[in-house]
Amino acid sequence: MDFLKDLWGFMKERKKFWLLPIILSLLLFGTLIVFSSGTAIAPFIYTLF
């Protein structure tokens, strides 16, 4: 949790709020790949990349 506080402090102080959507989309795609790696959805997910 400390990492998230540090990241938010960095973005707030340096006015880098444009990083937030990039980080959230990377986290979303990462969790999607992890949770669907063993299912039948996996071949369709990997075609996105």
Protein backbone atom coordinates (compact mmCIF):
# COMPACT_ATOMS: atom_id res chain seq x y z
CA MET A 1 0.00 0.00 0.00
CA ASP A 2 2.96 2.28 0.60
CA PHE A 3 3.89 2.04 -3.08
CA LEU A 4 0.50 3.41 -4.11
CA LYS A 5 0.85 6.33 -1.69
CA ASP A 6 4.29 7.12 -3.10
CA LEU A 7 3.01 6.86 -6.66
CA TRP A 8 0.05 9.15 -5.93
CA GLY A 9 2.37 11.63 -4.16
CA PHE A 10 4.66 11.67 -7.20
CA MET A 11 1.81 12.25 -9.63
CA LYS A 12 0.28 14.94 -7.43
CA GLU A 13 3.51 16.87 -6.87
CA ARG A 14 4.79 16.72 -10.45
CA LYS A 15 1.33 17.17 -12.06
CA LYS A 16 1.60 13.87 -13.96
CA PHE A 17 -2.07 12.92 -13.76
CA TRP A 18 -1.96 11.69 -17.35
CA LEU A 19 -0.11 8.61 -16.04
CA LEU A 20 -3.17 7.41 -14.14
CA PRO A 21 -5.16 6.09 -17.14
CA ILE A 22 -2.06 4.36 -18.50
CA ILE A 23 -1.36 2.63 -15.19
CA LEU A 24 -5.00 1.59 -14.76
CA SER A 25 -5.22 0.15 -18.28
CA LEU A 26 -2.00 -1.82 -17.77
CA LEU A 27 -3.34 -3.21 -14.50
CA LEU A 28 -6.62 -4.13 -16.16
CA PHE A 29 -4.95 -5.96 -19.05
CA GLY A 30 -2.55 -7.68 -16.65
CA THR A 31 -5.31 -9.02 -14.44
CA LEU A 32 -7.32 -10.05 -17.49
CA ILE A 33 -4.40 -12.11 -18.80
CA VAL A 34 -3.67 -13.67 -15.40
CA PHE A 35 -7.24 -14.70 -14.68
CA SER A 36 -8.01 -15.96 -18.18
CA SER A 37 -4.76 -17.81 -18.87
CA GLY A 38 -6.23 -21.21 -18.04
CA THR A 39 -9.57 -20.81 -19.74
CA ALA A 40 -10.92 -21.06 -23.26
CA ILE A 41 -10.86 -17.26 -23.53
CA ALA A 42 -7.06 -17.16 -23.59
CA PRO A 43 -6.59 -17.48 -27.39
CA PHE A 44 -8.93 -14.53 -27.95
CA ILE A 45 -7.15 -12.39 -25.34
CA TYR A 46 -3.72 -13.01 -26.86
CA THR A 47 -4.92 -11.89 -30.30
CA LEU A 48 -5.45 -8.42 -28.85
CA PHE A 49 -1.72 -8.05 -28.43
